């Protein structure tokens, strides 16, 4: 599951057609019940830099060798 939480701003509304969903996700993550459930279930929150495919991309670069 992924979320793109964001605070409600005029800039967000101007640049993002799904701004309402992002604001809802932001408010969801601030809810104590949701946060306690995440902790009690052992769910690990991660960011973009934790995505496993990011490391694979760097290891799949061509070596420059030809066969």
PDB file of N, CA and C in Angstrom:
ATOM      1  N   UNK A   1       0.844  -1.155   0.000  1.00  0.00           N
ATOM      2  CA  UNK A   1       0.000   0.000   0.000  1.00  0.00           C
ATOM      3  C   UNK A   1       0.902   1.233   0.000  1.00  0.00           C
ATOM      4  N   UNK A   2       0.487   2.236  -0.701  1.00  0.00           N
ATOM      5  CA  UNK A   2       1.259   3.477  -0.690  1.00  0.00           C
ATOM      6  C   UNK A   2       0.328   4.666  -0.500  1.00  0.00           C
ATOM      7  N   UNK A   3       0.875   5.670   0.115  1.00  0.00           N
ATOM      8  CA  UNK A   3       0.141   6.902   0.370  1.00  0.00           C
ATOM      9  C   UNK A   3       0.982   8.083  -0.092  1.00  0.00           C
ATOM     10  N   UNK A   4       0.306   9.146  -0.418  1.00  0.00           N
ATOM     11  CA  UNK A   4       0.973  10.405  -0.754  1.00  0.00           C
ATOM     12  C   UNK A   4       0.357  11.507   0.100  1.00  0.00           C
ATOM     13  N   UNK A   5       0.554  11.454   1.409  1.00  0.00           N
ATOM     14  CA  UNK A   5      -0.085  12.456   2.272  1.00  0.00           C
ATOM     15  C   UNK A   5       0.465  13.861   2.022  1.00  0.00           C
ATOM     16  N   UNK A   6      -0.442  14.825   2.095  1.00  0.00           N
ATOM     17  CA  UNK A   6      -0.031  16.211   1.900  1.00  0.00           C
ATOM     18  C   UNK A   6      -0.975  17.134   2.665  1.00  0.00           C
ATOM     19  N   UNK A   7      -0.416  18.221   3.156  1.00  0.00           N
ATOM     20  CA  UNK A   7      -1.228  19.245   3.820  1.00  0.00           C
ATOM     21  C   UNK A   7      -2.015  20.015   2.759  1.00  0.00           C
ATOM     22  N   UNK A   8      -3.198  20.453   3.148  1.00  0.00           N
ATOM     23  CA  UNK A   8      -4.044  21.214   2.217  1.00  0.00           C
ATOM     24  C   UNK A   8      -3.513  22.628   2.052  1.00  0.00           C
ATOM     25  N   UNK A   9      -3.095  22.926   0.842  1.00  0.00           N
ATOM     26  CA  UNK A   9      -2.623  24.268   0.513  1.00  0.00           C
ATOM     27  C   UNK A   9      -3.183  24.665  -0.854  1.00  0.00           C
ATOM     28  N   UNK A  10      -3.159  25.928  -1.144  1.00  0.00           N
ATOM     29  CA  UNK A  10      -3.603  26.404  -2.460  1.00  0.00           C
ATOM     30  C   UNK A  10      -2.674  25.867  -3.557  1.00  0.00           C
ATOM     31  N   UNK A  11      -1.399  25.776  -3.243  1.00  0.00           N
ATOM     32  CA  UNK A  11      -0.445  25.248  -4.226  1.00  0.00           C
ATOM     33  C   UNK A  11      -0.769  23.796  -4.563  1.00  0.00           C
ATOM     34  N   UNK A  12      -1.045  22.986  -3.541  1.00  0.00           N
ATOM     35  CA  UNK A  12      -1.391  21.583  -3.784  1.00  0.00           C
ATOM     36  C   UNK A  12      -2.625  21.492  -4.670  1.00  0.00           C
ATOM     37  N   UNK A  13      -3.631  22.296  -4.370  1.00  0.00           N
ATOM     38  CA  UNK A  13      -4.863  22.286  -5.162  1.00  0.00           C
ATOM     39  C   UNK A  13      -4.595  22.659  -6.620  1.00  0.00           C
ATOM     40  N   UNK A  14      -3.638  23.560  -6.835  1.00  0.00           N
ATOM     41  CA  UNK A  14      -3.331  24.028  -8.191  1.00  0.00           C
ATOM     42  C   UNK A  14      -2.547  23.004  -9.009  1.00  0.00           C
ATOM     43  N   UNK A  15      -1.738  22.175  -8.349  1.00  0.00           N
ATOM     44  CA  UNK A  15      -0.851  21.282  -9.106  1.00  0.00           C
ATOM     45  C   UNK A  15      -1.259  19.815  -9.078  1.00  0.00           C
ATOM     46  N   UNK A  16      -2.256  19.477  -8.271  1.00  0.00           N
ATOM     47  CA  UNK A  16      -2.570  18.053  -8.099  1.00  0.00           C
ATOM     48  C   UNK A  16      -4.081  17.831  -8.184  1.00  0.00           C
ATOM     49  N   UNK A  17      -4.507  17.108  -9.198  1.00  0.00           N
ATOM     50  CA  UNK A  17      -5.942  16.857  -9.353  1.00  0.00           C
ATOM     51  C   UNK A  17      -6.491  15.941  -8.253  1.00  0.00           C
ATOM     52  N   UNK A  18      -5.631  15.187  -7.603  1.00  0.00           N
ATOM     53  CA  UNK A  18      -6.069  14.288  -6.527  1.00  0.00           C
ATOM     54  C   UNK A  18      -5.752  14.871  -5.146  1.00  0.00           C
ATOM     55  N   UNK A  19      -5.755  16.183  -5.039  1.00  0.00           N
ATOM     56  CA  UNK A  19      -5.370  16.847  -3.795  1.00  0.00           C
ATOM     57  C   UNK A  19      -6.243  16.426  -2.622  1.00  0.00           C
ATOM     58  N   UNK A  20      -7.530  16.196  -2.850  1.00  0.00           N
ATOM     59  CA  UNK A  20      -8.420  15.819  -1.748  1.00  0.00           C
ATOM     60  C   UNK A  20      -8.027  14.469  -1.151  1.00  0.00           C
ATOM     61  N   UNK A  21      -7.634  13.538  -2.008  1.00  0.00           N
ATOM     62  CA  UNK A  21      -7.183  12.222  -1.535  1.00  0.00           C
ATOM     63  C   UNK A  21      -5.902  12.370  -0.712  1.00  0.00           C
ATOM     64  N   UNK A  22      -4.984  13.188  -1.177  1.00  0.00           N
ATOM     65  CA  UNK A  22      -3.732  13.384  -0.448  1.00  0.00           C
ATOM     66  C   UNK A  22      -3.961  14.029   0.916  1.00  0.00           C
ATOM     67  N   UNK A  23      -4.886  14.974   0.985  1.00  0.00           N
ATOM     68  CA  UNK A  23      -5.216  15.608   2.258  1.00  0.00           C
ATOM     69  C   UNK A  23      -5.861  14.594   3.189  1.00  0.00           C
ATOM     70  N   UNK A  24      -6.756  13.771   2.662  1.00  0.00           N
ATOM     71  CA  UNK A  24      -7.380  12.720   3.462  1.00  0.00           C
ATOM     72  C   UNK A  24      -6.323  11.766   4.011  1.00  0.00           C
ATOM     73  N   UNK A  25      -5.363  11.363   3.179  1.00  0.00           N
ATOM     74  CA  UNK A  25      -4.290  10.472   3.623  1.00  0.00           C
ATOM     75  C   UNK A  25      -3.439  11.133   4.711  1.00  0.00           C
ATOM     76  N   UNK A  26      -3.206  12.427   4.586  1.00  0.00           N
ATOM     77  CA  UNK A  26      -2.457  13.165   5.605  1.00  0.00           C
ATOM     78  C   UNK A  26      -3.200  13.126   6.936  1.00  0.00           C
ATOM     79  N   UNK A  27      -4.491  13.411   6.902  1.00  0.00           N
ATOM     80  CA  UNK A  27      -5.300  13.392   8.128  1.00  0.00           C
ATOM     81  C   UNK A  27      -5.393  11.991   8.709  1.00  0.00           C
ATOM     82  N   UNK A  28      -5.468  10.992   7.855  1.00  0.00           N
ATOM     83  CA  UNK A  28      -5.507   9.602   8.300  1.00  0.00           C
ATOM     84  C   UNK A  28      -4.262   9.252   9.115  1.00  0.00           C
ATOM     85  N   UNK A  29      -3.110   9.676   8.622  1.00  0.00           N
ATOM     86  CA  UNK A  29      -1.861   9.349   9.302  1.00  0.00           C
ATOM     87  C   UNK A  29      -1.689  10.115  10.609  1.00  0.00           C
ATOM     88  N   UNK A  30      -2.464  11.162  10.821  1.00  0.00           N
ATOM     89  CA  UNK A  30      -2.413  11.905  12.083  1.00  0.00           C
ATOM     90  C   UNK A  30      -3.380  11.349  13.127  1.00  0.00           C
ATOM     91  N   UNK A  31      -4.231  10.422  12.729  1.00  0.00           N
ATOM     92  CA  UNK A  31      -5.226   9.850  13.627  1.00  0.00           C
ATOM     93  C   UNK A  31      -4.557   8.900  14.621  1.00  0.00           C
ATOM     94  N   UNK A  32      -4.772   9.114  15.915  1.00  0.00           N
ATOM     95  CA  UNK A  32      -4.146   8.279  16.952  1.00  0.00           C
ATOM     96  C   UNK A  32      -4.514   6.812  16.830  1.00  0.00           C
ATOM     97  N   UNK A  33      -5.774   6.528  16.517  1.00  0.00           N
ATOM     98  CA  UNK A  33      -6.211   5.135  16.404  1.00  0.00           C
ATOM     99  C   UNK A  33      -5.490   4.436  15.259  1.00  0.00           C
ATOM    100  N   UNK A  34      -5.374   5.109  14.141  1.00  0.00           N
ATOM    101  CA  UNK A  34      -4.676   4.531  12.985  1.00  0.00           C
ATOM    102  C   UNK A  34      -3.212   4.301  13.336  1.00  0.00           C
ATOM    103  N   UNK A  35      -2.584   5.296  13.941  1.00  0.00           N
ATOM    104  CA  UNK A  35      -1.166   5.172  14.277  1.00  0.00           C
ATOM    105  C   UNK A  35      -0.933   4.040  15.278  1.00  0.00           C
ATOM    106  N   UNK A  36      -1.789   3.923  16.290  1.00  0.00           N
ATOM    107  CA  UNK A  36      -1.650   2.846  17.274  1.00  0.00           C
ATOM    108  C   UNK A  36      -1.854   1.478  16.628  1.00  0.00           C
ATOM    109  N   UNK A  37      -2.781   1.392  15.689  1.00  0.00           N
ATOM    110  CA  UNK A  37      -3.003   0.129  14.975  1.00  0.00           C
ATOM    111  C   UNK A  37      -1.783  -0.243  14.136  1.00  0.00           C
ATOM    112  N   UNK A  38      -1.204   0.726  13.471  1.00  0.00           N
ATOM    113  CA  UNK A  38       0.016   0.481  12.688  1.00  0.00           C
ATOM    114  C   UNK A  38       1.108  -0.079  13.600  1.00  0.00           C
ATOM    115  N   UNK A  39       1.292   0.534  14.748  1.00  0.00           N
ATOM    116  CA  UNK A  39       2.306   0.067  15.698  1.00  0.00           C
ATOM    117  C   UNK A  39       1.985  -1.326  16.234  1.00  0.00           C
ATOM    118  N   UNK A  40       0.736  -1.546  16.655  1.00  0.00           N
ATOM    119  CA  UNK A  40       0.375  -2.830  17.270  1.00  0.00           C
ATOM    120  C   UNK A  40       0.433  -3.982  16.275  1.00  0.00           C
ATOM    121  N   UNK A  41       0.224  -3.692  15.006  1.00  0.00           N
ATOM    122  CA  UNK A  41       0.281  -4.733  13.975  1.00  0.00           C
ATOM    123  C   UNK A  41       1.691  -4.954  13.449  1.00  0.00           C
ATOM    124  N   UNK A  42       2.634  -4.153  13.915  1.00  0.00           N
ATOM    125  CA  UNK A  42       4.025  -4.310  13.485  1.00  0.00           C
ATOM    126  C   UNK A  42       4.263  -3.858  12.051  1.00  0.00           C
ATOM    127  N   UNK A  43       3.423  -2.977  11.576  1.00  0.00           N
ATOM    128  CA  UNK A  43       3.586  -2.464  10.212  1.00  0.00           C
ATOM    129  C   UNK A  43       4.732  -1.470  10.202  1.00  0.00           C
ATOM    130  N   UNK A  44       5.625  -1.635   9.253  1.00  0.00           N
ATOM    131  CA  UNK A  44       6.779  -0.752   9.136  1.00  0.00           C
ATOM    132  C   UNK A  44       6.507   0.303   8.073  1.00  0.00           C
ATOM    133  N   UNK A  45       6.563   1.546   8.460  1.00  0.00           N
ATOM    134  CA  UNK A  45       6.392   2.632   7.511  1.00  0.00           C
ATOM    135  C   UNK A  45       7.727   2.907   6.836  1.00  0.00           C
ATOM    136  N   UNK A  46       7.694   3.047   5.537  1.00  0.00           N
ATOM    137  CA  UNK A  46       8.914   3.288   4.774  1.00  0.00           C
ATOM    138  C   UNK A  46       8.700   4.464   3.834  1.00  0.00           C
ATOM    139  N   UNK A  47       9.783   4.990   3.347  1.00  0.00           N
ATOM    140  CA  UNK A  47       9.740   6.075   2.379  1.00  0.00           C
ATOM    141  C   UNK A  47      10.237   5.601   1.024  1.00  0.00           C
ATOM    142  N   UNK A  48      10.255   6.515   0.090  1.00  0.00           N
ATOM    143  CA  UNK A  48      10.672   6.201  -1.278  1.00  0.00           C
ATOM    144  C   UNK A  48      12.072   5.596  -1.338  1.00  0.00           C
ATOM    145  N   UNK A  49      12.978   6.071  -0.503  1.00  0.00           N
ATOM    146  CA  UNK A  49      14.353   5.569  -0.547  1.00  0.00           C
ATOM    147  C   UNK A  49      14.453   4.126  -0.061  1.00  0.00           C
ATOM    148  N   UNK A  50      13.401   3.626   0.606  1.00  0.00           N
ATOM    149  CA  UNK A  50      13.402   2.242   1.075  1.00  0.00           C
ATOM    150  C   UNK A  50      12.863   1.266   0.034  1.00  0.00           C
ATOM    151  N   UNK A  51      12.356   1.760  -1.076  1.00  0.00           N
ATOM    152  CA  UNK A  51      11.742   0.896  -2.086  1.00  0.00           C
ATOM    153  C   UNK A  51      12.776  -0.083  -2.632  1.00  0.00           C
ATOM    154  N   UNK A  52      12.467  -1.387  -2.616  1.00  0.00           N
ATOM    155  CA  UNK A  52      13.456  -2.394  -3.024  1.00  0.00           C
ATOM    156  C   UNK A  52      13.876  -2.282  -4.484  1.00  0.00           C
ATOM    157  N   UNK A  53      13.004  -1.819  -5.358  1.00  0.00           N
ATOM    158  CA  UNK A  53      13.365  -1.745  -6.770  1.00  0.00           C
ATOM    159  C   UNK A  53      14.376  -0.643  -7.059  1.00  0.00           C
ATOM    160  N   UNK A  54      14.526   0.310  -6.164  1.00  0.00           N
ATOM    161  CA  UNK A  54      15.511   1.375  -6.385  1.00  0.00           C
ATOM    162  C   UNK A  54      16.920   0.801  -6.417  1.00  0.00           C
ATOM    163  N   UNK A  55      17.227  -0.148  -5.550  1.00  0.00           N
ATOM    164  CA  UNK A  55      18.555  -0.757  -5.533  1.00  0.00           C
ATOM    165  C   UNK A  55      18.773  -1.650  -6.741  1.00  0.00           C
ATOM    166  N   UNK A  56      17.735  -2.305  -7.208  1.00  0.00           N
ATOM    167  CA  UNK A  56      17.858  -3.177  -8.379  1.00  0.00           C
ATOM    168  C   UNK A  56      18.186  -2.379  -9.630  1.00  0.00           C
ATOM    169  N   UNK A  57      17.614  -1.186  -9.755  1.00  0.00           N
ATOM    170  CA  UNK A  57      17.875  -0.368 -10.932  1.00  0.00           C
ATOM    171  C   UNK A  57      19.350  -0.043 -11.050  1.00  0.00           C
ATOM    172  N   UNK A  58      19.984   0.284  -9.940  1.00  0.00           N
ATOM    173  CA  UNK A  58      21.391   0.656 -10.017  1.00  0.00           C
ATOM    174  C   UNK A  58      22.269  -0.553 -10.332  1.00  0.00           C
ATOM    175  N   UNK A  59      21.830  -1.775  -9.924  1.00  0.00           N
ATOM    176  CA  UNK A  59      22.633  -2.956 -10.201  1.00  0.00           C
ATOM    177  C   UNK A  59      22.365  -3.503 -11.603  1.00  0.00           C
ATOM    178  N   UNK A  60      21.318  -3.031 -12.283  1.00  0.00           N
ATOM    179  CA  UNK A  60      20.986  -3.513 -13.615  1.00  0.00           C
ATOM    180  C   UNK A  60      21.547  -2.624 -14.719  1.00  0.00           C
ATOM    181  N   UNK A  61      22.400  -1.697 -14.364  1.00  0.00           N
ATOM    182  CA  UNK A  61      22.991  -0.833 -15.377  1.00  0.00           C
ATOM    183  C   UNK A  61      23.925  -1.654 -16.249  1.00  0.00           C
ATOM    184  N   UNK A  62      23.941  -1.399 -17.551  1.00  0.00           N
ATOM    185  CA  UNK A  62      24.855  -2.138 -18.427  1.00  0.00           C
ATOM    186  C   UNK A  62      26.301  -1.890 -18.052  1.00  0.00           C
ATOM    187  N   UNK A  63      27.108  -2.911 -18.162  1.00  0.00           N
ATOM    188  CA  UNK A  63      28.514  -2.801 -17.782  1.00  0.00           C
ATOM    189  C   UNK A  63      29.365  -2.150 -18.857  1.00  0.00           C
ATOM    190  N   UNK A  64      28.789  -2.000 -20.059  1.00  0.00           N
ATOM    191  CA  UNK A  64      29.554  -1.428 -21.155  1.00  0.00           C
ATOM    192  C   UNK A  64      30.255  -2.498 -21.980  1.00  0.00           C
ATOM    193  N   UNK A  65      30.236  -3.747 -21.520  1.00  0.00           N
ATOM    194  CA  UNK A  65      30.858  -4.844 -22.252  1.00  0.00           C
ATOM    195  C   UNK A  65      29.913  -5.342 -23.327  1.00  0.00           C
ATOM    196  N   UNK A  66      30.457  -5.721 -24.436  1.00  0.00           N
ATOM    197  CA  UNK A  66      29.647  -6.324 -25.513  1.00  0.00           C
ATOM    198  C   UNK A  66      30.093  -7.740 -25.740  1.00  0.00           C
ATOM    199  N   UNK A  67      29.154  -8.552 -26.174  1.00  0.00           N
ATOM    200  CA  UNK A  67      29.492  -9.965 -26.426  1.00  0.00           C
ATOM    201  C   UNK A  67      29.387 -10.305 -27.863  1.00  0.00           C
TER     202      UNK A  67
END
